[in-house]
Amino acid sequence: MKRVIVGMSGGVDSAVTAYLLKLAGYDVIGVTLRTWQSADGTESRCCEITDARNIADQLDIPYYAVNCLTEFREQITAPFVEAYLSGKTPNPCILCNRNIKWQGLLAFADMQGADCAATGHYAEVLRLQNGRYTVRQAAHSAKDQSYMLCRLTQEQLRRTVMPLGKLTKQEVRQIAEQAGLPVAHKRDSQEICFVTDGHYADFIAEHAERELPPDGDFKNQSGETVGRHQGIYRYTVGQRRGLGIALGAPAYVQKICADTNSIVLGAETGLYHRAVLCSDVSFMGIAGISGGEVLRANVKIRYRHAPQAASVTLSPKGTMRILFDQPVRAAAPGQTAVLYDDNACVLGCGTIVCAES
């Protein structure tokens, strides 16, 4: 009987994951990685320990809570804040999955003599014919989380089980209800887990370890000042609402210039670009791209973005250039571009540095 560590958040997805694996004959151990607690004691939606412990008790499986607060602050929340202060739009969940969740779960698995770790993510782990492991998009596309898993390592994927990849959210809730799990209809979290009230700018202001960027100029595409912004960390590329400025026509954030503490506004048409450049490139379903090779892929430039056909090349210095067949909207520096093949398997990813016309 294989022993498996199940990461339990206190939600319905991880509860059903533990239930299905126990039903399949696994020796299941539940664990919650305690990653964040606000000043008022509010827990992250990823580590609601009371609910997770109650689920484990009901399933009659051992349960542990592991403290990762320091690692999470150093590797996730501090870089998240710094990125926004620098005018970027990061996705902390991607790094958290690799550096905190999987690293913590597999380290605990080693301590417990477990073969693998399991999570309630909506995605599938596959081993391809080339011998490499990858993540494939979930059957339920509306809940697919493969984008968030794009930086998992080959060793992490080799030891990962994801039982929900072929299920819909409705099916998962039905399983939980039939099993009598108390979280069957618990609402999903829609925000970053440590920003419990959804107010990103307030979180950044509270946790910044350096002076906040001051107010600065809104500029039009001709470089003329057209108003004042309230700090570059309060804005992201593509934003229209909350600008606090009336220009007689809809205005969108087109570029955030940290070096001049200014924000460029313009019409929506200015948000569309044919290419993006990426740094911090990593590969999953393939080992890499050779010099001069052009890789065809379907690329997402943010989580809620339909994959778009593109040609991908890699420079000798490791910078990835993605040339889209059709222009994409609002490519934001700091976000992650994820490459998929035609079978919806992750090939690799990179961090967006800038967009090109």
Protein backbone atom coordinates (compact mmCIF):
# COMPACT_ATOMS: atom_id res chain seq x y z
CA MET A 1 0.00 0.00 0.00
CA LYS A 2 1.54 3.28 -1.13
CA ARG A 3 1.84 6.01 1.46
CA VAL A 4 0.88 9.47 0.22
CA ILE A 5 1.00 12.92 1.82
CA VAL A 6 -2.05 15.01 0.93
CA GLY A 7 -1.75 18.78 1.16
CA MET A 8 -4.92 19.88 2.93
CA SER A 9 -6.05 23.51 2.77
CA GLY A 10 -9.35 23.02 4.58
CA GLY A 11 -11.29 23.29 1.31
CA VAL A 12 -13.40 20.84 -0.65
CA ASP A 13 -10.81 20.02 -3.33
CA SER A 14 -8.10 18.76 -0.98
CA ALA A 15 -10.74 17.01 1.16
CA VAL A 16 -12.00 15.04 -1.84
CA THR A 17 -8.41 14.31 -2.89
CA ALA A 18 -7.73 12.70 0.48
CA TYR A 19 -11.05 10.83 0.37
CA LEU A 20 -10.48 9.44 -3.15
CA LEU A 21 -6.95 8.30 -2.39
CA LYS A 22 -8.01 6.53 0.79
CA LEU A 23 -10.84 4.90 -1.15
CA ALA A 24 -8.26 3.72 -3.71
CA GLY A 25 -6.27 1.98 -1.00
CA TYR A 26 -3.53 4.51 -0.30
CA ASP A 27 -2.10 5.00 3.18
CA VAL A 28 -3.07 8.68 3.44
CA ILE A 29 -1.53 11.28 5.74
CA GLY A 30 -2.91 14.82 5.74
CA VAL A 31 -0.72 17.88 6.21
CA THR A 32 -1.34 21.62 6.15
CA LEU A 33 1.53 23.97 5.45
CA ARG A 34 0.88 27.02 7.58
CA THR A 35 2.08 29.81 5.34
CA TRP A 36 0.39 33.05 6.36
CA GLN A 37 -1.37 34.66 9.29
CA SER A 38 -2.37 38.33 9.34
CA ALA A 39 -1.90 40.64 12.30
CA ASP A 40 -5.49 40.02 13.44
CA GLY A 41 -4.99 36.23 13.36
CA THR A 42 -6.76 35.63 10.04
CA GLU A 43 -5.38 32.55 8.30
CA SER A 44 -4.64 32.22 4.61
CA ARG A 45 -7.30 30.41 2.56
CA CYS A 46 -4.56 27.86 1.79
CA CYS A 47 -4.10 26.86 5.41
CA GLU A 48 -7.37 26.82 7.34
CA ILE A 49 -6.13 24.36 9.91
CA THR A 50 -9.34 23.83 11.90
CA ASP A 51 -11.31 22.74 8.84
CA ALA A 52 -8.44 20.58 7.59
CA ARG A 53 -8.08 18.82 10.94
CA ASN A 54 -11.82 18.16 11.13
CA ILE A 55 -11.78 16.62 7.66
CA ALA A 56 -8.81 14.40 8.56
CA ASP A 57 -10.59 13.26 11.73
CA GLN A 58 -13.70 12.37 9.75
CA LEU A 59 -11.65 10.43 7.19
CA ASP A 60 -9.72 8.75 10.02
CA ILE A 61 -6.31 9.70 8.68
CA PRO A 62 -3.30 11.12 10.56
CA TYR A 63 -2.99 14.87 10.33
CA TYR A 64 -0.17 17.37 10.88
CA ALA A 65 0.24 21.13 10.60
CA VAL A 66 3.70 22.33 9.55
CA ASN A 67 4.89 25.89 10.12
CA CYS A 68 6.27 27.56 6.96
CA LEU A 69 5.62 31.18 7.97
CA THR A 70 9.23 32.38 7.75
CA GLU A 71 9.95 30.69 4.41
CA PHE A 72 6.71 32.04 2.96
CA ARG A 73 7.45 35.61 4.03
CA GLU A 74 11.02 35.50 2.69
CA GLN A 75 10.33 33.73 -0.60
CA ILE A 76 6.77 34.79 -1.47
CA THR A 77 5.27 37.85 0.24
CA ALA A 78 8.45 39.95 0.41
CA PRO A 79 9.25 39.46 -3.33
CA PHE A 80 5.56 40.03 -4.14
CA VAL A 81 5.62 43.42 -2.40
CA GLU A 82 8.95 44.38 -3.93
CA ALA A 83 7.71 43.53 -7.44
CA TYR A 84 4.69 45.82 -7.09
CA LEU A 85 6.89 48.60 -5.68
CA SER A 86 8.97 48.23 -8.85
CA GLY A 87 5.96 48.59 -11.15
CA LYS A 88 5.54 44.89 -11.94
CA THR A 89 2.57 42.54 -11.63
CA PRO A 90 3.76 39.24 -10.11
CA ASN A 91 1.92 35.95 -9.68
CA PRO A 92 3.04 34.67 -6.27
CA CYS A 93 1.13 31.37 -6.50
CA ILE A 94 3.49 30.04 -9.18
CA LEU A 95 6.60 30.38 -7.03
CA CYS A 96 4.74 29.30 -3.91
CA ASN A 97 3.76 26.02 -5.54
CA ARG A 98 7.37 25.15 -6.37
CA ASN A 99 9.32 26.69 -3.50
CA ILE A 100 6.92 26.31 -0.57
CA LYS A 101 4.11 23.83 -1.18
CA TRP A 102 5.86 21.09 -3.12
CA GLN A 103 9.15 21.51 -1.35
CA GLY A 104 7.37 21.34 2.01
CA LEU A 105 5.09 18.45 1.10
CA LEU A 106 7.88 16.29 -0.32
CA ALA A 107 10.21 17.07 2.59
CA PHE A 108 7.44 15.93 4.93
CA ALA A 109 6.86 12.88 2.72
CA ASP A 110 10.52 11.91 3.18
CA MET A 111 10.16 12.24 6.95
CA GLN A 112 7.08 10.01 6.91
CA GLY A 113 8.47 7.43 4.47
CA ALA A 114 5.86 8.37 1.86
CA ASP A 115 6.29 7.72 -1.84
CA CYS A 116 4.54 10.82 -3.12
CA ALA A 117 2.49 13.91 -2.40
CA ALA A 118 -0.99 14.76 -3.65
CA THR A 119 -2.91 17.99 -4.02
CA GLY A 120 -6.40 19.08 -5.05
CA HIS A 121 -5.27 21.01 -8.10
CA TYR A 122 -7.30 20.72 -11.29
CA ALA A 123 -4.61 19.37 -13.62
CA GLU A 124 -3.00 16.08 -14.62
CA VAL A 125 0.58 14.89 -14.24
CA LEU A 126 1.83 12.95 -17.27
CA ARG A 127 5.06 11.30 -18.35
CA LEU A 128 5.67 11.96 -22.02
CA GLN A 129 7.30 9.70 -24.59
CA ASN A 130 10.50 11.73 -24.30
CA GLY A 131 10.71 10.63 -20.65
CA ARG A 132 9.95 14.04 -19.18
CA TYR A 133 7.11 14.82 -16.80
CA THR A 134 4.63 17.57 -17.48
CA VAL A 135 1.29 18.98 -16.40
CA ARG A 136 -1.74 18.85 -18.68
CA GLN A 137 -4.72 21.16 -18.48
CA ALA A 138 -7.70 19.82 -16.54
CA ALA A 139 -10.73 18.40 -18.30
CA HIS A 140 -12.78 21.15 -16.61
CA SER A 141 -11.21 24.13 -18.39
CA ALA A 142 -12.94 26.72 -16.21
CA LYS A 143 -11.10 25.37 -13.13
CA ASP A 144 -7.82 24.44 -14.82
CA GLN A 145 -4.77 25.25 -12.66
CA SER A 146 -1.96 24.01 -14.90
CA TYR A 147 -0.80 27.62 -15.39
CA MET A 148 -0.03 27.88 -11.67
CA LEU A 149 2.05 24.68 -11.76
CA CYS A 150 4.35 25.66 -14.63
CA ARG A 151 7.53 25.90 -12.55
CA LEU A 152 7.37 22.53 -10.80
CA THR A 153 10.57 20.55 -11.25
CA GLN A 154 10.90 17.13 -12.85
CA GLU A 155 11.58 15.52 -9.46
CA GLN A 156 8.56 17.24 -7.91
CA LEU A 157 6.31 16.06 -10.76
CA ARG A 158 7.68 12.51 -10.58
CA ARG A 159 6.41 12.26 -7.01
CA THR A 160 3.06 14.04 -7.51
CA VAL A 161 -0.50 12.72 -7.70
CA MET A 162 -3.45 14.92 -8.78
CA PRO A 163 -6.71 12.94 -8.64
CA LEU A 164 -9.02 15.81 -9.71
CA GLY A 165 -7.66 16.39 -13.22
CA LYS A 166 -10.55 14.65 -14.97
CA LEU A 167 -13.32 15.94 -12.67
CA THR A 168 -15.47 19.06 -12.76
CA LYS A 169 -16.00 21.22 -9.71
CA GLN A 170 -19.63 20.09 -9.58
CA GLU A 171 -18.53 16.43 -9.54
CA VAL A 172 -16.05 17.16 -6.75
CA ARG A 173 -18.76 18.80 -4.65
CA GLN A 174 -21.10 15.86 -5.30
CA ILE A 175 -18.43 13.42 -4.14
CA ALA A 176 -17.88 15.49 -1.00
CA GLU A 177 -21.62 15.62 -0.32
CA GLN A 178 -22.03 11.86 -0.79
CA ALA A 179 -19.09 11.27 1.53
CA GLY A 180 -20.63 13.55 4.15
CA LEU A 181 -17.71 15.96 4.16
CA PRO A 182 -18.69 19.21 5.91
CA VAL A 183 -16.88 21.38 3.33
CA ALA A 184 -18.90 20.07 0.36
CA HIS A 185 -20.34 23.53 -0.35
CA LYS A 186 -17.61 25.71 1.12
CA ARG A 187 -16.99 28.68 -1.18
CA ASP A 188 -13.84 28.88 -3.28
CA SER A 189 -11.21 31.53 -2.70
CA GLN A 190 -10.97 33.94 -5.63
CA GLU A 191 -8.04 36.04 -4.45
CA ILE A 192 -4.38 35.59 -3.58
CA CYS A 193 -4.48 33.61 -0.35
CA PHE A 194 -2.56 36.05 1.85
CA VAL A 195 -4.49 39.14 0.72
CA THR A 196 -7.52 38.10 2.73
CA ASP A 197 -9.61 41.20 1.99
CA GLY A 198 -8.65 41.49 -1.68
CA HIS A 199 -7.05 44.94 -1.27
CA TYR A 200 -3.59 44.48 -2.80
CA ALA A 201 -2.42 48.08 -2.45
CA ASP A 202 -3.24 48.14 1.27
CA PHE A 203 -1.33 44.89 1.78
CA ILE A 204 1.69 46.27 -0.05
CA ALA A 205 1.61 49.52 1.92
CA GLU A 206 1.42 47.59 5.19
CA HIS A 207 4.23 45.14 4.43
CA ALA A 208 6.67 47.23 2.39
CA GLU A 209 10.20 47.08 3.77
CA ARG A 210 11.24 50.31 2.06
CA GLU A 211 9.70 53.70 1.43
CA LEU A 212 6.61 53.57 -0.76
CA PRO A 213 6.86 55.15 -4.22
CA PRO A 214 5.35 58.65 -4.04
CA ASP A 215 2.60 60.14 -6.16
CA GLY A 216 3.68 60.86 -9.72
CA ASP A 217 2.59 61.84 -13.20
CA PHE A 218 0.11 60.24 -15.53
CA LYS A 219 1.40 60.88 -19.05
CA ASN A 220 -0.14 60.39 -22.46
CA GLN A 221 1.68 58.65 -25.30
CA SER A 222 3.18 61.94 -26.39
CA GLY A 223 4.85 62.34 -23.00
CA GLU A 224 2.56 65.15 -21.81
CA THR A 225 1.43 65.15 -18.18
CA VAL A 226 -2.33 64.64 -17.96
CA GLY A 227 -2.82 64.03 -14.24
CA ARG A 228 -1.39 62.55 -11.03
CA HIS A 229 -1.27 58.96 -9.86
CA GLN A 230 -1.17 57.79 -6.23
CA GLY A 231 1.88 55.52 -6.41
CA ILE A 232 2.88 53.05 -9.12
CA TYR A 233 2.22 50.02 -6.89
CA ARG A 234 -1.52 50.76 -7.07
CA TYR A 235 -1.75 50.11 -10.82
CA THR A 236 -1.19 47.38 -13.38
CA VAL A 237 -1.01 47.25 -17.17
CA GLY A 238 -4.47 47.12 -18.73
CA GLN A 239 -6.21 48.78 -15.77
CA ARG A 240 -9.05 51.18 -16.54
CA ARG A 241 -11.07 51.50 -13.35
CA GLY A 242 -9.87 53.42 -10.34
CA LEU A 243 -7.55 55.78 -12.20
CA GLY A 244 -9.26 58.84 -10.81
CA ILE A 245 -8.83 60.80 -14.01
CA ALA A 246 -11.16 61.92 -16.80
CA LEU A 247 -9.67 62.46 -20.25
CA GLY A 248 -12.84 62.60 -22.30
CA ALA A 249 -12.31 59.05 -23.59
CA PRO A 250 -11.62 55.66 -21.93
CA ALA A 251 -8.03 55.54 -20.69
CA TYR A 252 -5.99 52.44 -19.84
CA VAL A 253 -2.65 51.90 -18.13
CA GLN A 254 -0.27 51.05 -20.96
CA LYS A 255 3.08 51.21 -19.23
CA ILE A 256 4.43 51.67 -15.70
CA CYS A 257 7.80 53.47 -15.65
CA ALA A 258 9.41 52.88 -12.28
CA ASP A 259 12.57 54.78 -13.25
CA THR A 260 10.63 58.03 -13.77
CA ASN A 261 7.79 57.21 -11.35
CA SER A 262 5.30 57.82 -14.15
CA ILE A 263 2.43 55.89 -15.74
CA VAL A 264 1.57 56.06 -19.43
CA LEU A 265 -2.14 56.14 -20.29
CA GLY A 266 -3.76 55.63 -23.65
CA ALA A 267 -6.52 54.06 -25.70
CA GLU A 268 -7.25 50.35 -25.50
CA THR A 269 -5.69 49.80 -28.91
CA GLY A 270 -2.30 50.59 -27.37
CA LEU A 271 -2.55 47.54 -25.12
CA TYR A 272 -2.12 45.10 -28.01
CA HIS A 273 1.33 43.75 -28.91
CA ARG A 274 2.66 41.04 -31.19
CA ALA A 275 5.59 39.92 -29.05
CA VAL A 276 6.81 39.63 -25.47
CA LEU A 277 10.30 39.08 -24.07
CA CYS A 278 10.76 36.80 -21.06
CA SER A 279 13.52 36.14 -18.54
CA ASP A 280 13.89 33.42 -15.89
CA VAL A 281 12.97 30.77 -18.46
CA SER A 282 12.37 27.17 -17.40
CA PHE A 283 11.19 24.10 -19.29
CA MET A 284 8.95 21.23 -18.33
CA GLY A 285 7.63 19.01 -21.13
CA ILE A 286 10.80 19.59 -23.19
CA ALA A 287 14.42 19.95 -22.17
CA GLY A 288 14.78 23.31 -23.91
CA ILE A 289 15.08 25.13 -27.23
CA SER A 290 18.30 24.97 -29.23
CA GLY A 291 19.88 27.95 -30.94
CA GLY A 292 18.04 28.89 -34.10
CA GLU A 293 15.11 26.59 -33.31
CA VAL A 294 11.58 27.99 -33.58
CA LEU A 295 9.11 26.29 -31.26
CA ARG A 296 5.42 26.50 -32.08
CA ALA A 297 3.31 26.71 -28.94
CA ASN A 298 0.06 27.99 -27.49
CA VAL A 299 0.86 30.63 -24.90
CA LYS A 300 -1.00 32.11 -21.94
CA ILE A 301 0.28 35.47 -20.67
CA ARG A 302 -1.78 35.37 -17.46
CA TYR A 303 -3.99 32.92 -15.61
CA ARG A 304 -7.32 34.04 -17.13
CA HIS A 305 -6.07 34.15 -20.71
CA ALA A 306 -6.99 31.81 -23.54
CA PRO A 307 -3.82 30.26 -25.03
CA GLN A 308 -2.75 31.99 -28.24
CA ALA A 309 -0.68 30.48 -31.07
CA ALA A 310 2.88 31.75 -31.20
CA SER A 311 6.44 31.11 -32.37
CA VAL A 312 9.02 30.90 -29.57
CA THR A 313 12.78 31.40 -29.80
CA LEU A 314 15.58 31.51 -27.23
CA SER A 315 18.55 33.88 -27.39
CA PRO A 316 22.12 32.78 -26.50
CA LYS A 317 21.73 34.71 -23.23
CA GLY A 318 18.60 32.76 -22.30
CA THR A 319 15.98 35.40 -23.09
CA MET A 320 12.81 33.96 -24.61
CA ARG A 321 10.96 35.84 -27.36
CA ILE A 322 7.34 34.93 -28.04
CA LEU A 323 5.93 36.17 -31.34
CA PHE A 324 2.15 35.74 -31.43
CA ASP A 325 0.22 35.05 -34.60
CA GLN A 326 -2.25 37.70 -33.48
CA PRO A 327 -1.63 40.59 -31.04
CA VAL A 328 -2.32 39.87 -27.37
CA ARG A 329 -3.81 42.32 -24.90
CA ALA A 330 -2.17 43.79 -21.79
CA ALA A 331 1.02 41.76 -21.40
CA ALA A 332 2.18 42.91 -17.96
CA PRO A 333 5.84 42.79 -16.86
CA GLY A 334 6.19 40.43 -13.90
CA GLN A 335 3.46 38.07 -15.06
CA THR A 336 4.29 34.58 -16.36
CA ALA A 337 3.98 33.41 -19.96
CA VAL A 338 3.24 29.67 -20.06
CA LEU A 339 3.80 27.55 -23.16
CA TYR A 340 1.52 24.61 -24.05
CA ASP A 341 1.65 22.05 -26.84
CA ASP A 342 -1.36 21.04 -28.93
CA ASN A 343 -2.29 18.40 -26.33
CA ALA A 344 -2.60 21.10 -23.63
CA CYS A 345 0.59 19.98 -21.87
CA VAL A 346 2.95 22.56 -20.34
CA LEU A 347 6.21 22.91 -22.27
CA GLY A 348 7.78 25.70 -20.25
CA CYS A 349 7.45 29.26 -19.05
CA GLY A 350 9.17 32.59 -18.50
CA THR A 351 8.65 35.87 -16.67
CA ILE A 352 7.49 38.71 -18.92
CA VAL A 353 10.01 41.57 -19.07
CA CYS A 354 8.37 43.75 -21.71
CA ALA A 355 6.05 43.75 -24.70
CA GLU A 356 7.02 44.64 -28.25
CA SER A 357 4.86 46.01 -31.08
